[in-house]
C-alpha cells in the first residue's frame, strides 16, 4: 500500500524521505520500493539508498549529507 502511494511521485523534482519510529518498517518499505523501481527498468546506479543508523553517521551534518549525495550521483 505504501509503495503504491509513493510510486506516483517518482520522477517528480523533489527528494522523497521515508521517516518513522524505530522498527516501523521503513527499511522494508524502502527495499520494496527499490525492487519496484528495478522492475520499472530503472538502473541501480539511479537509486540512492543510505541507512543512517550506523555509528559512521553519528555526527552527520546537512553539509556532509549533501557532499555524500553529490559523490554518489556523480
Protein backbone atom coordinates (compact mmCIF):
# COMPACT_ATOMS: atom_id res chain seq x y z
CA UNK A 1 0.00 0.00 0.00
CA UNK A 2 2.76 2.48 0.95
CA UNK A 3 4.84 1.68 -2.13
CA UNK A 4 1.79 2.34 -4.31
CA UNK A 5 1.35 5.74 -2.64
CA UNK A 6 5.00 6.65 -3.33
CA UNK A 7 5.17 5.49 -6.97
CA UNK A 8 3.19 8.46 -8.42
CA UNK A 9 5.88 10.80 -7.07
CA UNK A 10 8.75 9.02 -8.83
CA UNK A 11 10.33 11.38 -11.33
CA UNK A 12 8.99 14.48 -9.60
CA UNK A 13 11.61 17.17 -8.91
CA UNK A 14 11.88 16.80 -5.15
CA UNK A 15 13.56 14.48 -2.67
CA UNK A 16 11.48 11.74 -1.09
CA UNK A 17 12.24 10.96 2.56
CA UNK A 18 10.86 7.97 4.43
CA UNK A 19 10.71 8.56 8.19
CA UNK A 20 9.13 6.88 11.18
CA UNK A 21 9.74 5.42 14.60
CA UNK A 22 12.17 2.55 15.14
CA UNK A 23 11.07 -0.85 13.82
CA UNK A 24 8.07 0.58 11.97
CA UNK A 25 9.00 -0.99 8.61
CA UNK A 26 10.86 1.87 6.92
CA UNK A 27 13.68 -0.34 5.66
CA UNK A 28 11.23 -2.96 4.44
CA UNK A 29 9.20 -0.35 2.55
CA UNK A 30 12.39 1.12 1.07
CA UNK A 31 13.60 -2.28 -0.14
CA UNK A 32 10.16 -2.99 -1.62
CA UNK A 33 10.27 0.38 -3.39
CA UNK A 34 13.78 -0.28 -4.71
CA UNK A 35 12.65 -3.67 -6.07
CA UNK A 36 9.63 -1.99 -7.70
CA UNK A 37 11.90 0.62 -9.31
CA UNK A 38 14.20 -2.10 -10.65
CA UNK A 39 11.12 -3.79 -12.11
CA UNK A 40 10.33 -0.50 -13.87
CA UNK A 41 13.73 -0.80 -15.61
CA UNK A 42 15.36 1.91 -13.50
CA UNK A 43 19.04 1.02 -13.12
CA UNK A 44 20.67 0.55 -9.73
CA UNK A 45 23.04 3.48 -10.28
CA UNK A 46 19.98 5.77 -10.40
CA UNK A 47 18.90 4.69 -6.91
CA UNK A 48 20.50 6.30 -3.86
CA UNK A 49 19.77 4.49 -0.59
CA UNK A 50 21.61 5.05 2.68
CA UNK A 51 20.83 3.81 6.18
CA UNK A 52 21.85 6.48 8.66
CA UNK A 53 21.65 4.24 11.75
CA UNK A 54 25.35 3.37 11.52
CA UNK A 55 27.76 4.96 14.01
CA UNK A 56 29.61 6.22 10.94
CA UNK A 57 26.85 8.83 10.60
CA UNK A 58 26.57 9.71 14.31
CA UNK A 59 27.71 13.33 13.91
CA UNK A 60 26.40 13.83 10.39
CA UNK A 61 25.62 17.38 9.30
CA UNK A 62 23.45 18.60 6.45
CA UNK A 63 26.58 19.82 4.69
CA UNK A 64 28.10 16.31 4.89
CA UNK A 65 24.87 14.68 3.65
CA UNK A 66 24.91 16.98 0.60
CA UNK A 67 28.56 16.07 -0.04
CA UNK A 68 27.76 12.33 0.18
CA UNK A 69 24.83 12.70 -2.22
CA UNK A 70 26.93 14.69 -4.71
CA UNK A 71 29.61 11.99 -4.65
CA UNK A 72 27.04 9.24 -5.17
CA UNK A 73 25.32 10.95 -8.10
CA UNK A 74 28.49 11.99 -9.93
